[in-house]
Amino acid sequence: MKKGIYVALALLSGALLAQLLLADPGYVAIRFAGRLVEMSVVVLVVVLAAAYVALRLLLKLLSARRLWQQTREERRFERARRSLARGILEMAEGNWHASEETLARSAQHSQLPAAHLLVAARAAELQGAVQRSNELLARALQATPEKRAPVLILQAELYLKHGERAAAQTVLEQLEAAGEQNTRGLLLLARVYEQAGEWQKLKALEPRLRKVSGPSPVLQRAVGRIYLQQLRTAATAAELNSVWKNTPRALLRQGDVVTAYARAAMAFGEHAAAAHELMTLLQRQWDEAAVLALGELQTEAPLQTLERAEQWLETHPQSPALLLTCARLAIHAELYGKARSYLETSVAIQPRLESYQLLADLLEQLGERDRALSVCMDAVAHALGGRNRLPRVRMNRWLEQRRGEARRT
């Protein structure tokens, strides 16, 4: 519709222009280099149009080779993109050999050869071809020397997968020294330092880990491990309290961090502080490790702590950890009958060696040695995975046989 309107307007304009030119075709005189060129306006317009067309044709001829090369390059890039998609699908399907060949072959024609080579290296590694994987990573590093982080981080991951922690640490520390580290590399380096027990180096990473942790639970756990180690290795109560005071607020809600602090505080005799933190945590969330730590408290009012723990039995009646904790608190409060009942219930729900041991010790102190021995036998059977079926020993038959042999001699 619009094209028809444009054509009609063009024809109308041409007709009007023709009428004007027929009435007066105009006169144009151009003097150039001592010569006078005379023509009508119509001829001038035709000459200018022809010159324009000729110029456009000349420009196209001059750029034809460049356009042809550009078209070939775009087609090559498009084929490389399709190869990348096919290689990724082949790897997802478990056809790792085909994926490696597809990606390694198409890398040289891609705008991002490192992407092809990195996936190809992963496919080679999945086949157990470590040497080929390293060669592909070396090619990827040569292809993008200005962006080494993705290549080196994948190399470090593969080193860690094969148990070569020292090699992974060397690669990651190279990135760190060059200032090319990213979040993934920082997390891997923290993991390597933790595995190696290099807590001072891990502590040096802590400010950066806290800065980038944000919503990532993985990075939060990395920061948490730093403070866990500091809490567990505190040499004095003052050092412990200093670490606890500087612990990030987000970590104060993690059960393992609170439990580590509580156990360390109890080791320094600060049972009241440990009780406060454990109670605060358990009011917010249920954590069985914290519940077990609660049973190790030696407070001046064990009955009060026991009553608080017994309130939780209303909502967690089948928790063997809570029953064991109630038994320990009852023993501390000298309520031995209640402690025995809690221990027997805990063992019946979920046998635990520590529950067996505590029950056996309690029964022995109560004078029930036979029952304590039976509990110890149950604990051994539980540890071994069951009782051995021993044939019943008939002592009388054995004695008679021995006497008969003695008479014959």
Protein backbone atom coordinates (compact mmCIF):
# COMPACT_ATOMS: atom_id res chain seq x y z
CA MET A 1 0.00 0.00 0.00
CA LYS A 2 2.73 2.44 0.98
CA LYS A 3 4.86 1.51 -2.02
CA GLY A 4 1.93 2.24 -4.35
CA ILE A 5 1.46 5.66 -2.78
CA TYR A 6 5.18 6.41 -3.19
CA VAL A 7 5.12 5.34 -6.86
CA ALA A 8 2.08 7.49 -7.54
CA LEU A 9 3.69 10.50 -5.88
CA ALA A 10 6.90 9.94 -7.88
CA LEU A 11 4.98 9.77 -11.17
CA LEU A 12 3.00 12.88 -10.31
CA SER A 13 6.16 14.77 -9.39
CA GLY A 14 7.84 13.62 -12.63
CA ALA A 15 4.87 14.76 -14.70
CA LEU A 16 4.86 18.17 -13.07
CA LEU A 17 8.64 18.48 -13.54
CA ALA A 18 8.32 17.47 -17.20
CA GLN A 19 5.68 20.13 -17.81
CA LEU A 20 7.95 22.76 -16.32
CA LEU A 21 10.98 21.63 -18.33
CA LEU A 22 9.05 21.49 -21.59
CA ALA A 23 7.90 25.05 -21.10
CA ASP A 24 11.42 26.21 -20.20
CA PRO A 25 14.22 23.56 -20.29
CA GLY A 26 16.64 25.99 -18.62
CA TYR A 27 20.22 26.81 -19.49
CA VAL A 28 23.42 25.85 -17.69
CA ALA A 29 26.90 27.16 -18.61
CA ILE A 30 30.04 25.83 -16.93
CA ARG A 31 33.46 27.34 -17.61
CA PHE A 32 36.32 25.01 -16.63
CA ALA A 33 40.01 25.13 -17.69
CA GLY A 34 39.34 27.82 -20.30
CA ARG A 35 36.48 25.92 -21.87
CA LEU A 36 32.80 26.70 -21.84
CA VAL A 37 30.34 23.85 -21.54
CA GLU A 38 26.73 24.65 -22.25
CA MET A 39 23.74 22.37 -21.64
CA SER A 40 20.15 22.31 -20.51
CA VAL A 41 19.06 21.55 -17.01
CA VAL A 42 17.68 18.18 -18.14
CA VAL A 43 21.04 17.15 -19.56
CA LEU A 44 22.79 18.27 -16.36
CA VAL A 45 20.43 16.20 -14.25
CA VAL A 46 20.99 13.15 -16.45
CA VAL A 47 24.78 13.63 -16.32
CA LEU A 48 24.75 13.96 -12.53
CA ALA A 49 22.56 10.86 -12.14
CA ALA A 50 24.84 8.88 -14.43
CA ALA A 51 27.90 10.06 -12.51
CA TYR A 52 26.27 9.04 -9.24
CA VAL A 53 25.44 5.57 -10.55
CA ALA A 54 28.94 5.17 -11.96
CA LEU A 55 30.51 6.24 -8.67
CA ARG A 56 28.36 3.78 -6.70
CA LEU A 57 29.26 1.00 -9.10
CA LEU A 58 32.95 1.82 -8.79
CA LEU A 59 32.78 1.79 -4.99
CA LYS A 60 31.04 -1.56 -5.02
CA LEU A 61 33.66 -2.99 -7.31
CA LEU A 62 36.42 -1.70 -5.07
CA SER A 63 34.78 -3.15 -1.91
CA ALA A 64 33.65 -6.40 -3.51
CA ARG A 65 36.73 -8.32 -2.36
CA ARG A 66 36.44 -7.00 1.19
CA LEU A 67 32.74 -7.84 1.30
CA TRP A 68 33.44 -11.30 -0.06
CA GLN A 69 36.06 -11.92 2.61
CA GLN A 70 33.76 -10.53 5.28
CA THR A 71 30.95 -12.83 4.14
CA ARG A 72 33.26 -15.83 4.20
CA GLU A 73 34.42 -14.92 7.71
CA GLU A 74 30.87 -14.52 8.98
CA ARG A 75 29.94 -17.91 7.54
CA ARG A 76 33.01 -19.44 9.18
CA PHE A 77 32.10 -17.89 12.54
CA GLU A 78 28.54 -19.15 12.17
CA ARG A 79 29.78 -22.69 11.49
CA ALA A 80 32.05 -22.42 14.55
CA ARG A 81 29.10 -21.33 16.70
CA ARG A 82 27.06 -24.30 15.50
CA SER A 83 30.03 -26.59 16.20
CA LEU A 84 30.28 -25.21 19.74
CA ALA A 85 26.59 -25.92 20.35
CA ARG A 86 26.93 -29.42 18.87
CA GLY A 87 30.05 -30.15 20.95
CA ILE A 88 28.33 -29.10 24.17
CA LEU A 89 25.33 -31.30 23.36
CA GLU A 90 27.61 -34.23 22.55
CA MET A 91 29.38 -33.85 25.89
CA ALA A 92 26.04 -33.65 27.70
CA GLU A 93 25.02 -36.89 25.98
CA GLY A 94 28.21 -38.60 27.16
CA ASN A 95 29.81 -38.73 23.70
CA TRP A 96 33.00 -37.15 25.01
CA HIS A 97 35.32 -38.26 22.21
CA ALA A 98 33.10 -36.76 19.51
CA SER A 99 32.70 -33.59 21.57
CA GLU A 100 36.46 -33.21 21.94
CA GLU A 101 37.06 -33.67 18.20
CA THR A 102 34.26 -31.29 17.19
CA LEU A 103 35.40 -28.51 19.49
CA ALA A 104 39.14 -28.86 18.95
CA ARG A 105 38.65 -28.80 15.18
CA SER A 106 36.33 -25.77 15.14
CA ALA A 107 38.34 -23.66 17.61
CA GLN A 108 40.60 -22.14 14.94
CA HIS A 109 37.59 -20.73 13.05
CA SER A 110 35.87 -19.21 16.10
CA GLN A 111 35.78 -15.67 17.40
CA LEU A 112 36.25 -17.18 20.88
CA PRO A 113 38.61 -20.14 20.42
CA ALA A 114 39.23 -20.41 24.15
CA ALA A 115 35.58 -21.34 24.72
CA HIS A 116 35.88 -24.30 22.32
CA LEU A 117 39.20 -25.41 23.76
CA LEU A 118 38.04 -25.22 27.38
CA VAL A 119 35.03 -27.45 26.72
CA ALA A 120 37.21 -29.78 24.64
CA ALA A 121 39.69 -30.02 27.53
CA ARG A 122 36.86 -30.93 29.88
CA ALA A 123 35.68 -33.61 27.42
CA ALA A 124 39.21 -35.02 27.17
CA GLU A 125 39.53 -35.10 30.96
CA LEU A 126 36.24 -36.98 31.25
CA GLN A 127 37.78 -39.66 29.02
CA GLY A 128 40.78 -39.88 31.34
CA ALA A 129 43.07 -38.34 28.71
CA VAL A 130 44.94 -36.01 31.04
CA GLN A 131 47.75 -35.31 28.57
CA ARG A 132 45.34 -34.25 25.80
CA SER A 133 43.44 -32.14 28.29
CA ASN A 134 46.61 -30.29 29.30
CA GLU A 135 47.52 -29.73 25.65
CA LEU A 136 44.10 -28.25 24.91
CA LEU A 137 44.39 -25.97 27.94
CA ALA A 138 47.80 -24.82 26.71
CA ARG A 139 46.25 -23.97 23.33
CA ALA A 140 43.46 -22.06 25.06
CA LEU A 141 46.04 -20.09 27.04
CA GLN A 142 47.88 -19.17 23.85
CA ALA A 143 44.62 -18.15 22.17
CA THR A 144 43.71 -15.65 24.92
CA PRO A 145 46.88 -14.61 26.76
CA GLU A 146 45.14 -11.45 27.99
CA LYS A 147 42.39 -13.45 29.74
CA ARG A 148 44.13 -16.28 31.53
CA ALA A 149 41.80 -16.64 34.49
CA PRO A 150 39.18 -19.03 32.95
CA VAL A 151 41.88 -21.34 31.59
CA LEU A 152 44.01 -21.45 34.74
CA ILE A 153 41.02 -21.88 37.02
CA LEU A 154 39.81 -24.88 35.00
CA GLN A 155 43.34 -26.28 35.15
CA ALA A 156 43.36 -25.83 38.93
CA GLU A 157 39.99 -27.58 39.19
CA LEU A 158 41.31 -30.54 37.24
CA TYR A 159 44.43 -30.67 39.43
CA LEU A 160 42.23 -30.78 42.53
CA LYS A 161 40.04 -33.47 41.01
CA HIS A 162 43.11 -35.68 40.53
CA GLY A 163 44.49 -34.93 43.99
CA GLU A 164 47.31 -32.65 42.83
CA ARG A 165 46.70 -29.97 45.46
CA ALA A 166 50.19 -28.45 45.32
CA ALA A 167 49.96 -27.93 41.55
CA ALA A 168 46.51 -26.35 41.92
CA GLN A 169 47.83 -24.05 44.64
CA THR A 170 50.72 -22.95 42.41
CA VAL A 171 48.37 -22.09 39.53
CA LEU A 172 45.93 -20.19 41.73
CA GLU A 173 48.69 -18.27 43.48
CA GLN A 174 50.03 -17.23 40.05
CA LEU A 175 46.62 -15.72 39.29
CA GLU A 176 46.59 -14.06 42.69
CA ALA A 177 50.03 -12.53 42.19
CA ALA A 178 49.08 -11.25 38.72
CA GLY A 179 45.92 -9.62 40.04
CA GLU A 180 43.74 -11.67 37.67
CA GLN A 181 41.85 -13.58 40.33
CA ASN A 182 38.06 -13.80 40.13
CA THR A 183 35.42 -15.06 42.55
CA ARG A 184 35.67 -18.69 41.45
CA GLY A 185 39.44 -18.68 41.70
CA LEU A 186 39.31 -17.01 45.10
CA LEU A 187 36.97 -19.70 46.39
CA LEU A 188 39.21 -22.46 45.03
CA LEU A 189 42.25 -20.87 46.63
CA ALA A 190 40.44 -20.71 49.98
CA ARG A 191 39.55 -24.38 49.60
CA VAL A 192 43.19 -25.28 48.83
CA TYR A 193 44.45 -23.33 51.84
CA GLU A 194 41.92 -25.07 54.07
CA GLN A 195 42.93 -28.52 52.83
CA ALA A 196 46.60 -27.66 53.34
CA GLY A 197 45.95 -26.24 56.82
CA GLU A 198 47.50 -22.89 55.86
CA TRP A 199 45.21 -20.87 58.10
CA GLN A 200 47.25 -17.66 58.04
CA LYS A 201 47.00 -17.46 54.25
CA LEU A 202 43.32 -18.30 54.47
CA LYS A 203 42.85 -15.56 57.04
CA ALA A 204 44.50 -13.08 54.64
CA LEU A 205 41.79 -13.86 52.08
CA GLU A 206 38.99 -13.32 54.60
CA PRO A 207 38.30 -9.59 53.91
CA ARG A 208 37.93 -10.26 50.18
CA LEU A 209 35.79 -13.33 50.77
CA ARG A 210 33.47 -11.33 53.01
CA LYS A 211 33.26 -8.56 50.42
CA VAL A 212 32.21 -10.83 47.57
CA SER A 213 30.24 -13.39 49.56
CA GLY A 214 26.88 -11.61 49.30
CA PRO A 215 24.12 -14.12 48.59
CA SER A 216 26.48 -16.97 47.74
CA PRO A 217 26.24 -19.74 50.38
CA VAL A 218 29.45 -21.29 49.05
CA LEU A 219 31.49 -18.20 49.81
CA GLN A 220 29.75 -17.78 53.15
CA ARG A 221 30.85 -21.30 54.08
CA ALA A 222 34.41 -20.41 53.04
CA VAL A 223 34.36 -17.41 55.39
CA GLY A 224 32.77 -19.58 58.07
CA ARG A 225 35.63 -22.09 57.89
CA ILE A 226 38.10 -19.34 58.68
CA TYR A 227 36.30 -18.36 61.86
CA LEU A 228 35.67 -22.00 62.78
CA GLN A 229 39.40 -22.64 62.77
CA GLN A 230 40.08 -19.51 64.80
CA LEU A 231 37.48 -20.52 67.38
CA ARG A 232 38.87 -24.04 67.63
CA THR A 233 42.50 -22.94 67.95
CA ALA A 234 42.04 -20.03 70.37
CA ALA A 235 44.75 -20.35 73.05
CA THR A 236 43.07 -18.29 75.76
CA ALA A 237 39.59 -17.24 76.80
CA ALA A 238 40.41 -13.64 75.89
CA GLU A 239 41.48 -14.66 72.39
CA LEU A 240 38.32 -16.75 72.02
CA ASN A 241 36.09 -13.86 73.06
CA SER A 242 37.93 -11.51 70.70
CA VAL A 243 37.36 -13.86 67.75
CA TRP A 244 33.72 -14.30 68.72
CA LYS A 245 33.20 -10.55 68.98
CA ASN A 246 34.61 -10.01 65.48
CA THR A 247 32.67 -12.87 63.90
CA PRO A 248 30.33 -11.57 61.14
CA ARG A 249 26.70 -11.39 62.15
CA ALA A 250 25.64 -13.77 59.37
CA LEU A 251 27.85 -16.52 60.84
CA LEU A 252 26.27 -16.21 64.26
CA ARG A 253 23.26 -18.05 62.85
CA GLN A 254 25.28 -21.04 61.66
CA GLY A 255 25.02 -24.02 63.95
CA ASP A 256 28.56 -25.29 63.43
CA VAL A 257 30.06 -21.87 64.26
CA VAL A 258 27.98 -21.44 67.43
CA THR A 259 28.71 -25.00 68.54
CA ALA A 260 32.45 -24.52 67.96
CA TYR A 261 32.38 -21.39 70.12
CA ALA A 262 30.35 -23.12 72.85
CA ARG A 263 32.71 -26.09 73.07
CA ALA A 264 35.74 -23.80 73.16
CA ALA A 265 34.10 -21.65 75.85
CA MET A 266 33.35 -24.74 77.94
CA ALA A 267 36.98 -25.82 77.60
CA PHE A 268 37.96 -22.49 79.23
CA GLY A 269 35.32 -22.92 81.95
CA GLU A 270 32.91 -20.30 80.56
CA HIS A 271 29.82 -22.51 80.69
CA ALA A 272 27.38 -19.65 81.21
CA ALA A 273 28.43 -17.92 77.98
CA ALA A 274 28.27 -21.23 76.12
CA ALA A 275 24.80 -21.93 77.48
CA HIS A 276 23.55 -18.49 76.41
CA GLU A 277 24.76 -18.87 72.82
CA LEU A 278 23.46 -22.44 72.49
CA MET A 279 20.04 -21.50 73.87
CA THR A 280 19.86 -18.49 71.53
CA LEU A 281 20.68 -20.66 68.54
CA LEU A 282 18.19 -23.41 69.47
CA GLN A 283 15.42 -20.86 69.89
CA ARG A 284 15.92 -19.84 66.25
CA GLN A 285 16.63 -23.23 64.66
CA TRP A 286 17.02 -26.89 65.55
CA ASP A 287 20.58 -28.17 65.43
CA GLU A 288 21.46 -31.59 66.85
CA ALA A 289 25.16 -30.79 67.21
CA ALA A 290 24.20 -27.82 69.40
CA VAL A 291 21.81 -30.03 71.35
CA LEU A 292 24.60 -32.52 72.09
CA ALA A 293 26.90 -29.68 73.17
CA LEU A 294 24.18 -28.46 75.52
CA GLY A 295 24.38 -31.74 77.39
CA GLU A 296 28.07 -31.12 78.21
CA LEU A 297 27.34 -27.92 80.15
CA GLN A 298 28.41 -27.79 83.77
CA THR A 299 26.26 -24.90 85.00
CA GLU A 300 25.38 -24.02 88.59
CA ALA A 301 21.68 -24.61 87.84
CA PRO A 302 21.56 -27.89 85.87
CA LEU A 303 17.92 -28.46 86.81
CA GLN A 304 16.91 -25.23 85.07
CA THR A 305 18.77 -26.24 81.92
CA LEU A 306 17.18 -29.70 82.11
CA GLU A 307 13.70 -28.21 82.35
CA ARG A 308 14.38 -26.10 79.27
CA ALA A 309 15.62 -29.14 77.36
CA GLU A 310 12.60 -31.18 78.43
CA GLN A 311 10.32 -28.53 76.91
CA TRP A 312 11.84 -29.29 73.52
CA LEU A 313 10.89 -32.94 73.94
CA GLU A 314 7.30 -31.91 73.27
CA THR A 315 8.21 -30.98 69.70
CA HIS A 316 11.13 -33.44 69.26
CA PRO A 317 10.11 -36.55 71.24
CA GLN A 318 12.01 -38.95 68.95
CA SER A 319 15.31 -37.08 68.91
CA PRO A 320 18.02 -39.43 70.28
CA ALA A 321 20.42 -36.47 70.60
CA LEU A 322 17.97 -34.53 72.76
CA LEU A 323 17.25 -37.61 74.90
CA LEU A 324 20.99 -38.12 75.42
CA THR A 325 21.39 -34.45 76.39
CA CYS A 326 18.47 -34.69 78.84
CA ALA A 327 20.11 -37.79 80.37
CA ARG A 328 23.42 -35.97 80.86
CA LEU A 329 21.72 -32.97 82.41
CA ALA A 330 19.68 -35.26 84.66
CA ILE A 331 22.87 -36.99 85.85
CA HIS A 332 24.39 -33.59 86.60
CA ALA A 333 21.24 -32.71 88.53
CA GLU A 334 21.50 -36.10 90.36
CA LEU A 335 18.22 -37.37 88.90
CA TYR A 336 19.58 -40.83 88.09
CA GLY A 337 16.29 -42.62 87.49
CA LYS A 338 15.22 -40.03 84.96
CA ALA A 339 18.64 -40.17 83.32
CA ARG A 340 18.39 -43.96 82.98
CA SER A 341 14.96 -43.69 81.39
CA TYR A 342 16.16 -41.10 78.89
CA LEU A 343 19.21 -43.20 77.97
CA GLU A 344 17.23 -46.39 77.47
CA THR A 345 14.75 -44.54 75.24
CA SER A 346 17.57 -42.93 73.25
CA VAL A 347 19.25 -46.31 72.67
CA ALA A 348 15.95 -47.87 71.64
CA ILE A 349 15.30 -45.14 69.03
CA GLN A 350 18.83 -44.91 67.63
CA PRO A 351 21.71 -46.87 69.15
CA ARG A 352 24.81 -44.73 69.68
CA LEU A 353 28.04 -45.83 71.28
CA GLU A 354 28.17 -42.78 73.53
CA SER A 355 24.64 -43.53 74.76
CA TYR A 356 25.59 -47.15 75.46
CA GLN A 357 28.73 -46.06 77.31
CA LEU A 358 26.92 -43.52 79.47
CA LEU A 359 24.15 -46.01 80.29
CA ALA A 360 26.66 -48.72 81.21
CA ASP A 361 28.60 -46.34 83.47
CA LEU A 362 25.40 -45.20 85.16
CA LEU A 363 24.19 -48.78 85.76
CA GLU A 364 27.55 -49.81 87.20
CA GLN A 365 27.51 -46.89 89.64
CA LEU A 366 23.95 -47.81 90.58
CA GLY A 367 25.18 -51.32 91.45
CA GLU A 368 23.59 -53.12 88.47
CA ARG A 369 26.76 -54.70 87.12
CA ASP A 370 25.06 -57.54 85.24
CA ARG A 371 22.83 -55.08 83.44
CA ALA A 372 25.83 -52.82 82.76
CA LEU A 373 27.71 -55.80 81.25
CA SER A 374 24.72 -56.59 79.05
CA VAL A 375 24.65 -53.00 77.81
CA CYS A 376 28.37 -53.20 77.01
CA MET A 377 27.76 -56.38 75.00
CA ASP A 378 24.97 -54.61 73.11
CA ALA A 379 27.36 -51.74 72.37
CA VAL A 380 29.99 -54.15 71.00
CA ALA A 381 27.37 -55.88 68.86
CA HIS A 382 26.22 -52.52 67.55
CA ALA A 383 29.78 -51.49 66.71
CA LEU A 384 30.40 -54.80 64.89
CA GLY A 385 27.07 -54.68 63.09
CA GLY A 386 25.47 -57.59 64.93
CA ARG A 387 26.11 -60.51 67.27
CA ASN A 388 28.06 -63.60 66.25
CA ARG A 389 26.00 -66.80 66.36
CA LEU A 390 28.07 -68.95 68.73
CA PRO A 391 26.86 -72.53 69.33
CA ARG A 392 25.76 -73.13 72.90
CA VAL A 393 28.64 -74.47 75.01
CA ARG A 394 27.61 -77.61 76.94
CA MET A 395 30.05 -77.71 79.85
CA ASN A 396 28.74 -80.96 81.42
CA ARG A 397 29.23 -83.07 78.27
CA TRP A 398 32.72 -81.68 77.89
CA LEU A 399 33.63 -82.52 81.51
CA GLU A 400 32.31 -86.07 81.22
CA GLN A 401 34.32 -86.64 78.07
CA ARG A 402 37.47 -85.43 79.80
CA ARG A 403 36.87 -87.76 82.80
CA GLY A 404 36.34 -90.78 80.57
CA GLU A 405 39.60 -90.17 78.81
CA ALA A 406 41.35 -89.85 82.16
CA ARG A 407 39.96 -93.25 83.37
CA ARG A 408 41.07 -95.05 80.19
CA THR A 409 44.60 -93.77 80.63
